[in-house]
Amino acid sequence: MEEIKGTMITGASDDLIEIEGELSEEFESFDCTDGVLSCSDGTLLEVNYDKHGIWRFNVLYSGSLFNKKVEGSADSDTNDEVYFNPGLKWITFNDDGHLVTR
């Protein structure tokens, strides 16, 4: 993982989505297969905990602060990481109809 100048989204274990950097939060979601993360800059991410035990974040729309996505790997046991430039104000997570805003 590289130095975080803004905000980074990744997964941890089989039930946590972690937000680190400028914003710091955790969203609980066990074996998520159809989640959506929405960010204050307009970015939309489809969230999936895949069959290999890797958190995947598919970029549906990249907003004004979206920087990049780094693909995770089952071989190296790493999750996807999504990076944002500084300035995000909030992130919401929707999983199976449960909406959480931070």
C-alpha atoms as a PDB file:
ATOM      1  CA  MET A   1       0.000   0.000   0.000  1.00  0.00           C
ATOM      2  CA  GLU A   2       1.318   3.430  -0.920  1.00  0.00           C
ATOM      3  CA  GLU A   3       1.191   6.700   1.018  1.00  0.00           C
ATOM      4  CA  ILE A   4      -2.351   8.081   1.143  1.00  0.00           C
ATOM      5  CA  LYS A   5      -2.667  11.795   0.357  1.00  0.00           C
ATOM      6  CA  GLY A   6      -6.460  11.840   0.104  1.00  0.00           C
ATOM      7  CA  THR A   7      -8.670   8.827   0.786  1.00  0.00           C
ATOM      8  CA  MET A   8      -8.254   5.126  -0.013  1.00  0.00           C
ATOM      9  CA  ILE A   9     -10.940   2.415  -0.056  1.00  0.00           C
ATOM     10  CA  THR A  10     -10.059  -1.271   0.318  1.00  0.00           C
ATOM     11  CA  GLY A  11     -11.301  -4.434   2.011  1.00  0.00           C
ATOM     12  CA  ALA A  12     -10.248  -6.305   5.143  1.00  0.00           C
ATOM     13  CA  SER A  13     -11.099  -9.868   6.142  1.00  0.00           C
ATOM     14  CA  ASP A  14     -14.399 -11.192   4.775  1.00  0.00           C
ATOM     15  CA  ASP A  15     -16.680  -8.603   6.332  1.00  0.00           C
ATOM     16  CA  LEU A  16     -15.090  -5.133   6.310  1.00  0.00           C
ATOM     17  CA  ILE A  17     -14.669  -2.342   3.804  1.00  0.00           C
ATOM     18  CA  GLU A  18     -12.055   0.097   5.091  1.00  0.00           C
ATOM     19  CA  ILE A  19     -11.790   3.815   4.373  1.00  0.00           C
ATOM     20  CA  GLU A  20      -8.378   5.293   5.238  1.00  0.00           C
ATOM     21  CA  GLY A  21      -6.641   8.644   4.949  1.00  0.00           C
ATOM     22  CA  GLU A  22      -8.530  11.938   4.931  1.00  0.00           C
ATOM     23  CA  LEU A  23     -11.720  10.025   5.766  1.00  0.00           C
ATOM     24  CA  SER A  24     -11.492   7.098   8.176  1.00  0.00           C
ATOM     25  CA  GLU A  25     -14.330   4.600   8.535  1.00  0.00           C
ATOM     26  CA  GLU A  26     -15.322   0.930   8.294  1.00  0.00           C
ATOM     27  CA  PHE A  27     -18.437  -0.570   6.709  1.00  0.00           C
ATOM     28  CA  GLU A  28     -19.475  -4.083   7.755  1.00  0.00           C
ATOM     29  CA  SER A  29     -20.705  -6.392   5.019  1.00  0.00           C
ATOM     30  CA  PHE A  30     -20.327 -10.165   5.195  1.00  0.00           C
ATOM     31  CA  ASP A  31     -19.703 -11.816   1.784  1.00  0.00           C
ATOM     32  CA  CYS A  32     -20.989  -8.782  -0.140  1.00  0.00           C
ATOM     33  CA  THR A  33     -22.015  -9.579  -3.726  1.00  0.00           C
ATOM     34  CA  ASP A  34     -24.031  -6.539  -4.787  1.00  0.00           C
ATOM     35  CA  GLY A  35     -22.964  -3.484  -2.813  1.00  0.00           C
ATOM     36  CA  VAL A  36     -22.551   0.082  -4.037  1.00  0.00           C
ATOM     37  CA  LEU A  37     -20.297   2.808  -2.629  1.00  0.00           C
ATOM     38  CA  SER A  38     -21.178   6.415  -3.502  1.00  0.00           C
ATOM     39  CA  CYS A  39     -18.734   9.254  -2.855  1.00  0.00           C
ATOM     40  CA  SER A  40     -19.282  13.001  -2.487  1.00  0.00           C
ATOM     41  CA  ASP A  41     -17.349  13.703  -5.724  1.00  0.00           C
ATOM     42  CA  GLY A  42     -19.808  11.611  -7.761  1.00  0.00           C
ATOM     43  CA  THR A  43     -17.777   8.389  -7.908  1.00  0.00           C
ATOM     44  CA  LEU A  44     -19.843   5.169  -7.898  1.00  0.00           C
ATOM     45  CA  LEU A  45     -18.223   1.824  -7.084  1.00  0.00           C
ATOM     46  CA  GLU A  46     -19.782  -1.617  -7.394  1.00  0.00           C
ATOM     47  CA  VAL A  47     -18.627  -3.758  -4.436  1.00  0.00           C
ATOM     48  CA  ASN A  48     -18.122  -7.526  -4.540  1.00  0.00           C
ATOM     49  CA  TYR A  49     -16.359  -9.983  -2.223  1.00  0.00           C
ATOM     50  CA  ASP A  50     -15.368 -12.584  -4.818  1.00  0.00           C
ATOM     51  CA  LYS A  51     -15.097 -16.385  -4.630  1.00  0.00           C
ATOM     52  CA  HIS A  52     -11.308 -16.104  -4.109  1.00  0.00           C
ATOM     53  CA  GLY A  53     -11.778 -14.031  -0.954  1.00  0.00           C
ATOM     54  CA  ILE A  54     -10.767 -10.732  -2.572  1.00  0.00           C
ATOM     55  CA  TRP A  55     -12.655  -7.436  -2.255  1.00  0.00           C
ATOM     56  CA  ARG A  56     -13.358  -6.049  -5.735  1.00  0.00           C
ATOM     57  CA  PHE A  57     -14.352  -2.462  -6.477  1.00  0.00           C
ATOM     58  CA  ASN A  58     -15.607  -1.921 -10.024  1.00  0.00           C
ATOM     59  CA  VAL A  59     -15.630   1.748 -11.045  1.00  0.00           C
ATOM     60  CA  LEU A  60     -19.092   2.510 -12.464  1.00  0.00           C
ATOM     61  CA  TYR A  61     -18.417   6.262 -12.634  1.00  0.00           C
ATOM     62  CA  SER A  62     -15.256   8.174 -11.752  1.00  0.00           C
ATOM     63  CA  GLY A  63     -15.947  11.514 -10.084  1.00  0.00           C
ATOM     64  CA  SER A  64     -13.873  14.677  -9.886  1.00  0.00           C
ATOM     65  CA  LEU A  65     -11.554  13.430  -7.095  1.00  0.00           C
ATOM     66  CA  PHE A  66     -11.077   9.852  -8.345  1.00  0.00           C
ATOM     67  CA  ASN A  67      -7.354   9.143  -8.763  1.00  0.00           C
ATOM     68  CA  LYS A  68      -6.860   5.449  -9.581  1.00  0.00           C
ATOM     69  CA  LYS A  69      -7.751   1.843  -8.850  1.00  0.00           C
ATOM     70  CA  VAL A  70      -5.090  -0.761  -8.056  1.00  0.00           C
ATOM     71  CA  GLU A  71      -6.204  -4.333  -8.789  1.00  0.00           C
ATOM     72  CA  GLY A  72      -5.912  -6.872  -5.988  1.00  0.00           C
ATOM     73  CA  SER A  73      -4.684 -10.410  -6.561  1.00  0.00           C
ATOM     74  CA  ALA A  74      -5.724 -13.793  -5.193  1.00  0.00           C
ATOM     75  CA  ASP A  75      -2.128 -15.012  -5.674  1.00  0.00           C
ATOM     76  CA  SER A  76      -0.718 -12.286  -3.411  1.00  0.00           C
ATOM     77  CA  ASP A  77      -3.834 -12.157  -1.176  1.00  0.00           C
ATOM     78  CA  THR A  78      -4.418  -8.433  -1.754  1.00  0.00           C
ATOM     79  CA  ASN A  79      -7.703  -6.568  -2.203  1.00  0.00           C
ATOM     80  CA  ASP A  80      -8.475  -3.883  -4.772  1.00  0.00           C
ATOM     81  CA  GLU A  81      -7.545  -0.379  -3.622  1.00  0.00           C
ATOM     82  CA  VAL A  82      -9.293   2.780  -4.851  1.00  0.00           C
ATOM     83  CA  TYR A  83      -7.517   6.123  -4.370  1.00  0.00           C
ATOM     84  CA  PHE A  84      -8.974   9.632  -4.270  1.00  0.00           C
ATOM     85  CA  ASN A  85      -7.323  13.041  -4.300  1.00  0.00           C
ATOM     86  CA  PRO A  86      -7.953  15.182  -1.188  1.00  0.00           C
ATOM     87  CA  GLY A  87     -11.397  16.684  -0.695  1.00  0.00           C
ATOM     88  CA  LEU A  88     -13.941  13.863  -0.236  1.00  0.00           C
ATOM     89  CA  LYS A  89     -16.630  14.898   2.264  1.00  0.00           C
ATOM     90  CA  TRP A  90     -18.635  11.681   2.669  1.00  0.00           C
ATOM     91  CA  ILE A  91     -19.070   8.084   1.481  1.00  0.00           C
ATOM     92  CA  THR A  92     -22.267   6.015   1.534  1.00  0.00           C
ATOM     93  CA  PHE A  93     -22.532   2.238   1.305  1.00  0.00           C
ATOM     94  CA  ASN A  94     -25.604   0.273   0.245  1.00  0.00           C
ATOM     95  CA  ASP A  95     -25.661  -3.506   0.661  1.00  0.00           C
ATOM     96  CA  ASP A  96     -28.865  -5.517   0.306  1.00  0.00           C
ATOM     97  CA  GLY A  97     -31.026  -2.453   0.869  1.00  0.00           C
ATOM     98  CA  HIS A  98     -29.184  -1.209   3.976  1.00  0.00           C
ATOM     99  CA  LEU A  99     -27.861   2.323   3.448  1.00  0.00           C
ATOM    100  CA  VAL A 100     -25.066   3.675   5.664  1.00  0.00           C
ATOM    101  CA  THR A 101     -23.615   7.192   5.314  1.00  0.00           C
ATOM    102  CA  ARG A 102     -20.382   8.361   6.952  1.00  0.00           C
END
